C-alpha atoms as a PDB file:
ATOM      1  CA  UNK A   1     -13.855  16.629   8.410  1.00  0.00           C
ATOM      2  CA  UNK A   2     -11.775  15.778  10.769  1.00  0.00           C
ATOM      3  CA  UNK A   3      -8.479  17.891  11.097  1.00  0.00           C
ATOM      4  CA  UNK A   4      -5.393  16.226  10.142  1.00  0.00           C
ATOM      5  CA  UNK A   5      -1.729  17.167  12.149  1.00  0.00           C
ATOM      6  CA  UNK A   6       1.154  16.751  10.521  1.00  0.00           C
ATOM      7  CA  UNK A   7       3.466  15.596  13.503  1.00  0.00           C
ATOM      8  CA  UNK A   8       6.743  14.518  12.033  1.00  0.00           C
ATOM      9  CA  UNK A   9       8.943  14.643   8.724  1.00  0.00           C
ATOM     10  CA  UNK A  10      12.109  12.985   8.447  1.00  0.00           C
ATOM     11  CA  UNK A  11      14.446  12.717   5.712  1.00  0.00           C
ATOM     12  CA  UNK A  12      16.653   9.477   6.590  1.00  0.00           C
ATOM     13  CA  UNK A  13      18.662   6.753   5.207  1.00  0.00           C
ATOM     14  CA  UNK A  14      16.602   3.439   5.213  1.00  0.00           C
ATOM     15  CA  UNK A  15      17.105  -0.313   4.339  1.00  0.00           C
ATOM     16  CA  UNK A  16      16.195  -0.775  -0.018  1.00  0.00           C
ATOM     17  CA  UNK A  17      14.046  -4.006   0.803  1.00  0.00           C
ATOM     18  CA  UNK A  18      17.305  -6.442   2.278  1.00  0.00           C
ATOM     19  CA  UNK A  19      20.208  -3.316   1.207  1.00  0.00           C
ATOM     20  CA  UNK A  20      20.983  -0.247   2.774  1.00  0.00           C
ATOM     21  CA  UNK A  21      20.245   2.438   0.767  1.00  0.00           C
ATOM     22  CA  UNK A  22      20.939   6.193   1.451  1.00  0.00           C
ATOM     23  CA  UNK A  23      18.571   8.409  -0.374  1.00  0.00           C
ATOM     24  CA  UNK A  24      16.749  11.607   0.260  1.00  0.00           C
ATOM     25  CA  UNK A  25      13.333   9.756   0.771  1.00  0.00           C
ATOM     26  CA  UNK A  26       9.995  10.893   2.811  1.00  0.00           C
ATOM     27  CA  UNK A  27       8.849   8.930   5.914  1.00  0.00           C
ATOM     28  CA  UNK A  28       5.739  10.707   7.095  1.00  0.00           C
ATOM     29  CA  UNK A  29       3.348  10.371   9.991  1.00  0.00           C
ATOM     30  CA  UNK A  30       0.136  11.953  10.061  1.00  0.00           C
ATOM     31  CA  UNK A  31      -2.242  12.296  13.293  1.00  0.00           C
ATOM     32  CA  UNK A  32      -6.132  13.114  12.293  1.00  0.00           C
ATOM     33  CA  UNK A  33      -7.420  14.332  15.658  1.00  0.00           C
ATOM     34  CA  UNK A  34     -10.664  13.471  16.558  1.00  0.00           C
ATOM     35  CA  UNK A  35     -13.638  16.141  15.740  1.00  0.00           C
ATOM     36  CA  UNK A  36     -16.027  16.590  18.200  1.00  0.00           C
ATOM     37  CA  UNK A  37     -18.903  17.721  16.356  1.00  0.00           C
ATOM     38  CA  UNK A  38     -18.658  14.789  13.858  1.00  0.00           C
ATOM     39  CA  UNK A  39     -20.796  11.772  13.741  1.00  0.00           C
ATOM     40  CA  UNK A  40     -17.802   9.830  12.090  1.00  0.00           C
ATOM     41  CA  UNK A  41     -15.173  10.222  14.996  1.00  0.00           C
ATOM     42  CA  UNK A  42     -12.011   8.064  14.083  1.00  0.00           C
ATOM     43  CA  UNK A  43      -9.065   7.247  16.414  1.00  0.00           C
ATOM     44  CA  UNK A  44      -5.773   8.236  16.093  1.00  0.00           C
ATOM     45  CA  UNK A  45      -4.276   7.075  12.746  1.00  0.00           C
ATOM     46  CA  UNK A  46      -0.490   7.060  11.683  1.00  0.00           C
ATOM     47  CA  UNK A  47       0.722   6.572   8.241  1.00  0.00           C
ATOM     48  CA  UNK A  48       4.563   6.014   7.652  1.00  0.00           C
ATOM     49  CA  UNK A  49       5.280   5.310   3.855  1.00  0.00           C
ATOM     50  CA  UNK A  50       8.295   5.415   2.009  1.00  0.00           C
ATOM     51  CA  UNK A  51       8.662   7.306  -1.031  1.00  0.00           C
ATOM     52  CA  UNK A  52      10.901   8.589  -3.703  1.00  0.00           C
ATOM     53  CA  UNK A  53      11.556  12.353  -4.052  1.00  0.00           C
ATOM     54  CA  UNK A  54      10.299  13.824  -6.951  1.00  0.00           C
ATOM     55  CA  UNK A  55      13.289  14.350  -8.574  1.00  0.00           C
ATOM     56  CA  UNK A  56      15.131  11.484  -7.740  1.00  0.00           C
ATOM     57  CA  UNK A  57      17.092  10.237 -10.680  1.00  0.00           C
ATOM     58  CA  UNK A  58      15.801   7.076 -12.418  1.00  0.00           C
ATOM     59  CA  UNK A  59      18.408   4.867 -12.093  1.00  0.00           C
ATOM     60  CA  UNK A  60      20.581   4.300  -9.270  1.00  0.00           C
ATOM     61  CA  UNK A  61      24.485   3.993  -9.981  1.00  0.00           C
ATOM     62  CA  UNK A  62      25.877   3.118  -7.060  1.00  0.00           C
ATOM     63  CA  UNK A  63      26.257  -0.240  -5.952  1.00  0.00           C
ATOM     64  CA  UNK A  64      24.985  -1.031  -2.563  1.00  0.00           C
ATOM     65  CA  UNK A  65      26.261  -3.860  -0.042  1.00  0.00           C
ATOM     66  CA  UNK A  66      23.942  -6.362   1.667  1.00  0.00           C
ATOM     67  CA  UNK A  67      25.059  -5.773   5.801  1.00  0.00           C
ATOM     68  CA  UNK A  68      24.298  -9.133   7.187  1.00  0.00           C
ATOM     69  CA  UNK A  69      25.620  -8.073  10.698  1.00  0.00           C
ATOM     70  CA  UNK A  70      22.652  -6.221  10.965  1.00  0.00           C
ATOM     71  CA  UNK A  71      20.252  -9.064   9.549  1.00  0.00           C
ATOM     72  CA  UNK A  72      18.622 -10.816  12.758  1.00  0.00           C
ATOM     73  CA  UNK A  73      17.467 -14.439  12.630  1.00  0.00           C
ATOM     74  CA  UNK A  74      14.584 -16.648  14.251  1.00  0.00           C
ATOM     75  CA  UNK A  75      15.022 -20.192  14.418  1.00  0.00           C
ATOM     76  CA  UNK A  76      12.155 -22.728  13.696  1.00  0.00           C
ATOM     77  CA  UNK A  77      11.752 -25.149  16.459  1.00  0.00           C
ATOM     78  CA  UNK A  78      10.381 -27.856  13.934  1.00  0.00           C
ATOM     79  CA  UNK A  79      12.788 -28.158  11.393  1.00  0.00           C
ATOM     80  CA  UNK A  80      15.882 -25.811  12.886  1.00  0.00           C
ATOM     81  CA  UNK A  81      15.883 -23.561   9.527  1.00  0.00           C
ATOM     82  CA  UNK A  82      16.881 -19.757  10.085  1.00  0.00           C
ATOM     83  CA  UNK A  83      14.192 -16.784   9.061  1.00  0.00           C
ATOM     84  CA  UNK A  84      14.882 -13.351   9.280  1.00  0.00           C
ATOM     85  CA  UNK A  85      13.283 -11.140  11.957  1.00  0.00           C
ATOM     86  CA  UNK A  86      14.885  -7.771  10.570  1.00  0.00           C
ATOM     87  CA  UNK A  87      12.144  -4.966   9.951  1.00  0.00           C
ATOM     88  CA  UNK A  88      11.968  -3.681   6.635  1.00  0.00           C
ATOM     89  CA  UNK A  89      10.625  -1.018   4.661  1.00  0.00           C
ATOM     90  CA  UNK A  90       9.066  -1.329   0.959  1.00  0.00           C
ATOM     91  CA  UNK A  91      10.920   0.932  -1.340  1.00  0.00           C
ATOM     92  CA  UNK A  92      11.303   0.694  -5.260  1.00  0.00           C
ATOM     93  CA  UNK A  93      13.455   2.333  -7.763  1.00  0.00           C
ATOM     94  CA  UNK A  94      11.041   4.685  -9.989  1.00  0.00           C
ATOM     95  CA  UNK A  95      11.906   4.733 -13.767  1.00  0.00           C
ATOM     96  CA  UNK A  96      10.899   7.245 -16.168  1.00  0.00           C
ATOM     97  CA  UNK A  97      11.111   5.368 -19.300  1.00  0.00           C
ATOM     98  CA  UNK A  98       8.073   3.339 -19.050  1.00  0.00           C
ATOM     99  CA  UNK A  99      10.146   0.574 -17.345  1.00  0.00           C
ATOM    100  CA  UNK A 100       8.679  -1.167 -14.347  1.00  0.00           C
ATOM    101  CA  UNK A 101      10.184  -0.079 -11.150  1.00  0.00           C
ATOM    102  CA  UNK A 102      13.037  -1.895  -9.932  1.00  0.00           C
ATOM    103  CA  UNK A 103      13.892  -4.083  -6.854  1.00  0.00           C
ATOM    104  CA  UNK A 104      17.318  -5.741  -5.819  1.00  0.00           C
ATOM    105  CA  UNK A 105      17.219  -9.623  -6.644  1.00  0.00           C
ATOM    106  CA  UNK A 106      17.396 -10.847  -2.920  1.00  0.00           C
ATOM    107  CA  UNK A 107      14.255  -8.967  -2.906  1.00  0.00           C
ATOM    108  CA  UNK A 108      12.694 -10.614  -5.995  1.00  0.00           C
ATOM    109  CA  UNK A 109      13.313 -13.567  -4.795  1.00  0.00           C
ATOM    110  CA  UNK A 110      12.402 -13.080  -1.125  1.00  0.00           C
ATOM    111  CA  UNK A 111       8.321 -11.751  -2.220  1.00  0.00           C
ATOM    112  CA  UNK A 112       8.199 -14.745  -5.173  1.00  0.00           C
ATOM    113  CA  UNK A 113       9.190 -17.273  -2.074  1.00  0.00           C
ATOM    114  CA  UNK A 114       5.977 -15.930   0.217  1.00  0.00           C
ATOM    115  CA  UNK A 115       3.354 -14.869  -2.511  1.00  0.00           C
ATOM    116  CA  UNK A 116       4.112 -11.377  -2.071  1.00  0.00           C
ATOM    117  CA  UNK A 117       3.741  -8.943  -5.255  1.00  0.00           C
ATOM    118  CA  UNK A 118       4.580  -5.385  -6.234  1.00  0.00           C
ATOM    119  CA  UNK A 119       4.261  -6.028 -10.528  1.00  0.00           C
ATOM    120  CA  UNK A 120       1.602  -7.404 -12.161  1.00  0.00           C
ATOM    121  CA  UNK A 121       1.773  -8.763 -15.805  1.00  0.00           C
ATOM    122  CA  UNK A 122       4.927  -6.608 -17.526  1.00  0.00           C
ATOM    123  CA  UNK A 123       4.295  -8.245 -20.608  1.00  0.00           C
ATOM    124  CA  UNK A 124       1.049  -5.811 -21.125  1.00  0.00           C
ATOM    125  CA  UNK A 125       0.007  -2.833 -20.697  1.00  0.00           C
ATOM    126  CA  UNK A 126      -2.338  -3.693 -17.851  1.00  0.00           C
ATOM    127  CA  UNK A 127      -2.561  -1.479 -14.533  1.00  0.00           C
ATOM    128  CA  UNK A 128      -3.683  -2.419 -11.248  1.00  0.00           C
ATOM    129  CA  UNK A 129      -5.266   0.290  -9.429  1.00  0.00           C
ATOM    130  CA  UNK A 130      -5.107   0.050  -5.390  1.00  0.00           C
ATOM    131  CA  UNK A 131      -6.545   2.194  -2.966  1.00  0.00           C
ATOM    132  CA  UNK A 132      -5.336   2.355   0.958  1.00  0.00           C
ATOM    133  CA  UNK A 133      -8.019   3.592   3.248  1.00  0.00           C
ATOM    134  CA  UNK A 134      -7.479   3.809   6.674  1.00  0.00           C
ATOM    135  CA  UNK A 135      -9.656   6.741   7.671  1.00  0.00           C
ATOM    136  CA  UNK A 136     -12.102   8.815   5.360  1.00  0.00           C
ATOM    137  CA  UNK A 137     -11.978  11.938   4.655  1.00  0.00           C
ATOM    138  CA  UNK A 138     -15.280  12.432   2.516  1.00  0.00           C
ATOM    139  CA  UNK A 139     -13.233  11.556  -1.270  1.00  0.00           C
ATOM    140  CA  UNK A 140     -14.104   8.226  -1.151  1.00  0.00           C
ATOM    141  CA  UNK A 141     -17.785   8.556  -2.411  1.00  0.00           C
ATOM    142  CA  UNK A 142     -16.181  10.550  -5.694  1.00  0.00           C
ATOM    143  CA  UNK A 143     -13.644   8.459  -6.498  1.00  0.00           C
ATOM    144  CA  UNK A 144     -15.874   5.675  -6.497  1.00  0.00           C
ATOM    145  CA  UNK A 145     -18.538   8.161  -8.786  1.00  0.00           C
ATOM    146  CA  UNK A 146     -14.949   8.527 -11.514  1.00  0.00           C
ATOM    147  CA  UNK A 147     -14.455   4.549 -11.180  1.00  0.00           C
ATOM    148  CA  UNK A 148     -17.963   3.685 -12.387  1.00  0.00           C
ATOM    149  CA  UNK A 149     -18.029   6.151 -15.072  1.00  0.00           C
ATOM    150  CA  UNK A 150     -15.143   5.146 -16.309  1.00  0.00           C
ATOM    151  CA  UNK A 151     -15.574   1.271 -15.706  1.00  0.00           C
ATOM    152  CA  UNK A 152     -12.604   0.889 -14.127  1.00  0.00           C
ATOM    153  CA  UNK A 153     -12.118  -1.323 -10.950  1.00  0.00           C
ATOM    154  CA  UNK A 154     -10.115  -1.218  -8.346  1.00  0.00           C
ATOM    155  CA  UNK A 155      -8.768  -2.729  -5.040  1.00  0.00           C
ATOM    156  CA  UNK A 156      -9.263  -0.867  -1.582  1.00  0.00           C
ATOM    157  CA  UNK A 157      -7.654  -1.668   1.411  1.00  0.00           C
ATOM    158  CA  UNK A 158      -9.008  -1.162   5.115  1.00  0.00           C
ATOM    159  CA  UNK A 159      -9.106  -1.422   8.407  1.00  0.00           C
ATOM    160  CA  UNK A 160     -11.695  -2.521  10.820  1.00  0.00           C
ATOM    161  CA  UNK A 161     -12.134   1.027  12.189  1.00  0.00           C
ATOM    162  CA  UNK A 162     -12.599   1.984   8.371  1.00  0.00           C
ATOM    163  CA  UNK A 163     -15.110  -0.581   7.990  1.00  0.00           C
ATOM    164  CA  UNK A 164     -16.953   0.461  11.747  1.00  0.00           C
ATOM    165  CA  UNK A 165     -17.338   3.886  10.952  1.00  0.00           C
ATOM    166  CA  UNK A 166     -18.405   3.560   6.451  1.00  0.00           C
ATOM    167  CA  UNK A 167     -21.008   0.548   6.319  1.00  0.00           C
ATOM    168  CA  UNK A 168     -22.264   2.273   3.245  1.00  0.00           C
ATOM    169  CA  UNK A 169     -19.415   2.832   1.399  1.00  0.00           C
ATOM    170  CA  UNK A 170     -17.619  -0.937   1.887  1.00  0.00           C
ATOM    171  CA  UNK A 171     -21.376  -2.262   0.828  1.00  0.00           C
ATOM    172  CA  UNK A 172     -21.249   0.095  -2.427  1.00  0.00           C
ATOM    173  CA  UNK A 173     -17.340  -0.539  -3.620  1.00  0.00           C
ATOM    174  CA  UNK A 174     -18.264  -4.277  -2.905  1.00  0.00           C
ATOM    175  CA  UNK A 175     -21.976  -3.880  -4.982  1.00  0.00           C
ATOM    176  CA  UNK A 176     -19.913  -2.161  -7.939  1.00  0.00           C
ATOM    177  CA  UNK A 177     -17.082  -4.554  -8.185  1.00  0.00           C
ATOM    178  CA  UNK A 178     -14.517  -3.284  -6.435  1.00  0.00           C
ATOM    179  CA  UNK A 179     -11.835  -5.349  -4.317  1.00  0.00           C
ATOM    180  CA  UNK A 180     -12.350  -4.770  -0.559  1.00  0.00           C
ATOM    181  CA  UNK A 181      -9.168  -6.017   0.995  1.00  0.00           C
ATOM    182  CA  UNK A 182      -7.178  -6.699   4.396  1.00  0.00           C
ATOM    183  CA  UNK A 183      -5.103  -3.802   5.703  1.00  0.00           C
ATOM    184  CA  UNK A 184      -4.914  -5.141   9.500  1.00  0.00           C
ATOM    185  CA  UNK A 185      -7.117  -4.428  12.427  1.00  0.00           C
ATOM    186  CA  UNK A 186      -5.035  -1.378  14.048  1.00  0.00           C
ATOM    187  CA  UNK A 187      -2.293  -0.545  11.563  1.00  0.00           C
ATOM    188  CA  UNK A 188       0.754  -1.634  12.635  1.00  0.00           C
ATOM    189  CA  UNK A 189       4.076  -2.264  11.834  1.00  0.00           C
ATOM    190  CA  UNK A 190       3.069  -6.255  10.796  1.00  0.00           C
ATOM    191  CA  UNK A 191       6.946  -7.063  11.138  1.00  0.00           C
ATOM    192  CA  UNK A 192       6.934  -5.817  15.036  1.00  0.00           C
ATOM    193  CA  UNK A 193       3.743  -7.951  15.599  1.00  0.00           C
ATOM    194  CA  UNK A 194       5.339 -10.982  13.999  1.00  0.00           C
ATOM    195  CA  UNK A 195       8.196 -10.915  16.615  1.00  0.00           C
ATOM    196  CA  UNK A 196       6.008 -10.240  19.502  1.00  0.00           C
ATOM    197  CA  UNK A 197       3.465 -12.734  19.300  1.00  0.00           C
ATOM    198  CA  UNK A 198       2.013 -14.693  16.774  1.00  0.00           C
ATOM    199  CA  UNK A 199      -1.253 -14.938  17.937  1.00  0.00           C
ATOM    200  CA  UNK A 200      -2.187 -11.065  17.835  1.00  0.00           C
ATOM    201  CA  UNK A 201      -0.545 -10.951  14.666  1.00  0.00           C
ATOM    202  CA  UNK A 202      -2.792 -13.691  13.206  1.00  0.00           C
ATOM    203  CA  UNK A 203      -5.837 -11.248  15.324  1.00  0.00           C
ATOM    204  CA  UNK A 204      -4.819  -8.228  12.988  1.00  0.00           C
ATOM    205  CA  UNK A 205      -6.292 -10.409   9.886  1.00  0.00           C
ATOM    206  CA  UNK A 206      -9.177 -12.074  11.528  1.00  0.00           C
ATOM    207  CA  UNK A 207     -10.589  -9.173  13.159  1.00  0.00           C
ATOM    208  CA  UNK A 208     -10.804  -7.331   9.891  1.00  0.00           C
ATOM    209  CA  UNK A 209     -12.365 -10.318   8.307  1.00  0.00           C
ATOM    210  CA  UNK A 210     -15.047 -10.630  10.983  1.00  0.00           C
ATOM    211  CA  UNK A 211     -15.961  -6.973  10.527  1.00  0.00           C
ATOM    212  CA  UNK A 212     -16.307  -7.539   6.764  1.00  0.00           C
ATOM    213  CA  UNK A 213     -17.966 -10.056   7.178  1.00  0.00           C
ATOM    214  CA  UNK A 214     -20.747  -8.790   9.173  1.00  0.00           C
ATOM    215  CA  UNK A 215     -21.524  -5.648   6.855  1.00  0.00           C
ATOM    216  CA  UNK A 216     -21.293  -7.457   3.501  1.00  0.00           C
ATOM    217  CA  UNK A 217     -22.431 -11.034   4.707  1.00  0.00           C
ATOM    218  CA  UNK A 218     -19.126 -11.762   2.545  1.00  0.00           C
ATOM    219  CA  UNK A 219     -15.659 -13.475   3.321  1.00  0.00           C
ATOM    220  CA  UNK A 220     -13.212 -10.965   2.775  1.00  0.00           C
ATOM    221  CA  UNK A 221     -10.232 -11.591  -0.904  1.00  0.00           C
ATOM    222  CA  UNK A 222      -7.110 -12.780   0.283  1.00  0.00           C
ATOM    223  CA  UNK A 223      -4.959 -10.078  -0.581  1.00  0.00           C
ATOM    224  CA  UNK A 224      -3.292  -8.120   2.446  1.00  0.00           C
ATOM    225  CA  UNK A 225      -0.880  -4.682   2.236  1.00  0.00           C
ATOM    226  CA  UNK A 226       1.270  -4.215   5.206  1.00  0.00           C
ATOM    227  CA  UNK A 227       0.271  -0.979   6.756  1.00  0.00           C
ATOM    228  CA  UNK A 228       3.431   1.418   6.073  1.00  0.00           C
ATOM    229  CA  UNK A 229       4.897  -0.734   4.206  1.00  0.00           C
ATOM    230  CA  UNK A 230       6.957  -2.364   6.929  1.00  0.00           C
ATOM    231  CA  UNK A 231       7.476  -5.870   6.803  1.00  0.00           C
ATOM    232  CA  UNK A 232       9.891  -9.003   7.311  1.00  0.00           C
ATOM    233  CA  UNK A 233      10.328 -12.120   5.674  1.00  0.00           C
ATOM    234  CA  UNK A 234       8.869 -13.649   9.153  1.00  0.00           C
ATOM    235  CA  UNK A 235       5.858 -11.690   8.618  1.00  0.00           C
ATOM    236  CA  UNK A 236       5.863 -12.814   5.186  1.00  0.00           C
ATOM    237  CA  UNK A 237       5.700 -16.081   5.959  1.00  0.00           C
ATOM    238  CA  UNK A 238       2.904 -15.624   8.929  1.00  0.00           C
ATOM    239  CA  UNK A 239       0.581 -13.905   6.018  1.00  0.00           C
ATOM    240  CA  UNK A 240       1.116 -16.792   3.325  1.00  0.00           C
ATOM    241  CA  UNK A 241       0.442 -19.072   6.195  1.00  0.00           C
ATOM    242  CA  UNK A 242      -2.986 -17.549   6.728  1.00  0.00           C
ATOM    243  CA  UNK A 243      -4.112 -17.767   2.955  1.00  0.00           C
ATOM    244  CA  UNK A 244      -2.881 -14.387   2.035  1.00  0.00           C
ATOM    245  CA  UNK A 245      -1.221 -12.622  -1.096  1.00  0.00           C
ATOM    246  CA  UNK A 246       0.927  -9.507   0.163  1.00  0.00           C
ATOM    247  CA  UNK A 247       0.223  -6.775  -2.293  1.00  0.00           C
ATOM    248  CA  UNK A 248       3.256  -3.898  -2.135  1.00  0.00           C
ATOM    249  CA  UNK A 249       3.260  -1.348  -4.791  1.00  0.00           C
ATOM    250  CA  UNK A 250       5.819  -0.696  -8.235  1.00  0.00           C
ATOM    251  CA  UNK A 251       4.110   3.133  -7.600  1.00  0.00           C
ATOM    252  CA  UNK A 252       3.311   5.351  -5.249  1.00  0.00           C
ATOM    253  CA  UNK A 253       3.986   9.212  -3.869  1.00  0.00           C
ATOM    254  CA  UNK A 254       3.285  11.910  -1.518  1.00  0.00           C
ATOM    255  CA  UNK A 255      -0.128  11.716  -1.747  1.00  0.00           C
ATOM    256  CA  UNK A 256      -1.661  11.164   2.480  1.00  0.00           C
ATOM    257  CA  UNK A 257      -1.485  14.487   3.624  1.00  0.00           C
ATOM    258  CA  UNK A 258      -4.277  16.512   3.767  1.00  0.00           C
ATOM    259  CA  UNK A 259      -2.914  19.337   4.466  1.00  0.00           C
ATOM    260  CA  UNK A 260       0.214  19.292   2.001  1.00  0.00           C
ATOM    261  CA  UNK A 261      -1.411  18.492  -1.045  1.00  0.00           C
ATOM    262  CA  UNK A 262       0.175  18.212  -4.149  1.00  0.00           C
ATOM    263  CA  UNK A 263      -1.041  20.528  -6.824  1.00  0.00           C
ATOM    264  CA  UNK A 264      -2.154  18.380  -9.966  1.00  0.00           C
ATOM    265  CA  UNK A 265       0.028  19.613 -12.723  1.00  0.00           C
ATOM    266  CA  UNK A 266       2.516  18.068 -10.415  1.00  0.00           C
ATOM    267  CA  UNK A 267       0.751  14.858  -9.437  1.00  0.00           C
ATOM    268  CA  UNK A 268      -0.266  14.165 -13.222  1.00  0.00           C
ATOM    269  CA  UNK A 269       3.291  14.867 -14.304  1.00  0.00           C
ATOM    270  CA  UNK A 270       4.882  12.091 -11.444  1.00  0.00           C
ATOM    271  CA  UNK A 271       2.223   9.169 -12.164  1.00  0.00           C
ATOM    272  CA  UNK A 272       1.823   9.557 -15.998  1.00  0.00           C
ATOM    273  CA  UNK A 273       6.198   9.613 -16.296  1.00  0.00           C
ATOM    274  CA  UNK A 274       6.477   6.966 -13.651  1.00  0.00           C
ATOM    275  CA  UNK A 275       3.284   4.998 -15.142  1.00  0.00           C
ATOM    276  CA  UNK A 276       4.777   1.145 -16.856  1.00  0.00           C
ATOM    277  CA  UNK A 277       3.098  -2.182 -17.894  1.00  0.00           C
ATOM    278  CA  UNK A 278       1.873  -4.582 -14.895  1.00  0.00           C
ATOM    279  CA  UNK A 279       2.087  -1.195 -12.419  1.00  0.00           C
ATOM    280  CA  UNK A 280       0.743  -2.200  -8.965  1.00  0.00           C
ATOM    281  CA  UNK A 281      -0.608   1.671  -8.345  1.00  0.00           C
ATOM    282  CA  UNK A 282      -1.231   2.676  -4.935  1.00  0.00           C
ATOM    283  CA  UNK A 283      -3.106   6.059  -4.389  1.00  0.00           C
ATOM    284  CA  UNK A 284      -4.695   7.440  -1.038  1.00  0.00           C
ATOM    285  CA  UNK A 285      -8.246   8.242  -0.798  1.00  0.00           C
ATOM    286  CA  UNK A 286      -8.041  10.924   1.436  1.00  0.00           C
ATOM    287  CA  UNK A 287      -6.000  13.102  -0.704  1.00  0.00           C
ATOM    288  CA  UNK A 288      -7.969  15.688  -2.474  1.00  0.00           C
ATOM    289  CA  UNK A 289      -5.892  15.827  -5.598  1.00  0.00           C
ATOM    290  CA  UNK A 290      -6.149  12.445  -6.365  1.00  0.00           C
ATOM    291  CA  UNK A 291     -10.000  13.143  -6.403  1.00  0.00           C
ATOM    292  CA  UNK A 292      -9.779  16.127  -8.831  1.00  0.00           C
ATOM    293  CA  UNK A 293      -7.437  14.011 -11.254  1.00  0.00           C
ATOM    294  CA  UNK A 294      -8.688  10.766 -10.884  1.00  0.00           C
ATOM    295  CA  UNK A 295     -11.112  11.052 -14.475  1.00  0.00           C
ATOM    296  CA  UNK A 296      -8.341  12.613 -16.336  1.00  0.00           C
ATOM    297  CA  UNK A 297      -5.558  10.169 -15.480  1.00  0.00           C
ATOM    298  CA  UNK A 298      -8.048   7.704 -16.151  1.00  0.00           C
ATOM    299  CA  UNK A 299      -8.611   8.331 -19.521  1.00  0.00           C
ATOM    300  CA  UNK A 300      -5.075   9.319 -19.868  1.00  0.00           C
ATOM    301  CA  UNK A 301      -3.942   5.549 -19.121  1.00  0.00           C
ATOM    302  CA  UNK A 302      -6.606   4.715 -21.600  1.00  0.00           C
ATOM    303  CA  UNK A 303      -5.359   6.611 -24.045  1.00  0.00           C
ATOM    304  CA  UNK A 304      -1.957   5.205 -24.017  1.00  0.00           C
ATOM    305  CA  UNK A 305      -3.592   1.566 -24.305  1.00  0.00           C
ATOM    306  CA  UNK A 306      -3.675   0.719 -20.834  1.00  0.00           C
ATOM    307  CA  UNK A 307      -5.731  -1.707 -19.481  1.00  0.00           C
ATOM    308  CA  UNK A 308      -7.187  -1.915 -15.728  1.00  0.00           C
ATOM    309  CA  UNK A 309      -6.765  -5.438 -14.409  1.00  0.00           C
ATOM    310  CA  UNK A 310      -7.953  -7.034 -10.601  1.00  0.00           C
ATOM    311  CA  UNK A 311      -5.624  -8.430  -8.408  1.00  0.00           C
ATOM    312  CA  UNK A 312      -7.683 -11.743  -8.510  1.00  0.00           C
ATOM    313  CA  UNK A 313      -6.058 -11.490 -12.846  1.00  0.00           C
ATOM    314  CA  UNK A 314      -2.375 -11.494 -11.244  1.00  0.00           C
ATOM    315  CA  UNK A 315       0.138 -13.541 -12.794  1.00  0.00           C
END
């Protein structure tokens, strides 16, 4: 099994979508090293997701004001319109009362314009279960066993190295009815790639599509999760132009650091407290805790009346 090294833990103010929001938030970077004895050698992989602290209040009383002076724009050569190139980090305001996680109005308008989602059908007790797969940590097979036993279909967002190193798992995901979706070729900030080179931006999609098709003989579903939740209006626009829907999330928690796994009790508590109608749930398949609680969490969701939908069933 690859050894993972936690290289940085930062607690900083971040962009709340398009708003400046100072809060205690985790931004983690992990770099798993390559085990020379392993047959499943993985390249360096970095994760850098913004999540609320587990004790963050369910409402945010402070009114934040968007700072237009910090927003940067690119002017279209065809029609003269302006589009923002400012990099943002996806974030949401969690609730504990069963209502959907919140977003500022301008972000809701932005994601609607560019076929992006962080929620599904909030009028019904439905959930959309998704997993991010940057590298294999030995748990995906067990997760698939549990999903199959509970008759639940999920979406797995995978990178090109993951596909190339885990052909059998990719084939199994497809054979068992899960969606295997695009998480990019190299796991970069898509906002930065979009700003530098549109051709390279497109290659982040097409290289992964080709790898998936070579393994499965099928076309890759047109759903994309921006690595690390990094995006800009320009990257969302380019993604839509490629025929993709961008899939953010309304729930995630600090589960992706193998050496700092949450306890079973803590994980189940935060997941169930923040479950809501139409939730797009992001979990990481490298997590030992997620693997251990998966069966009980699926059963508890079902006991509370929740059904599981696929991304193909988004409204």
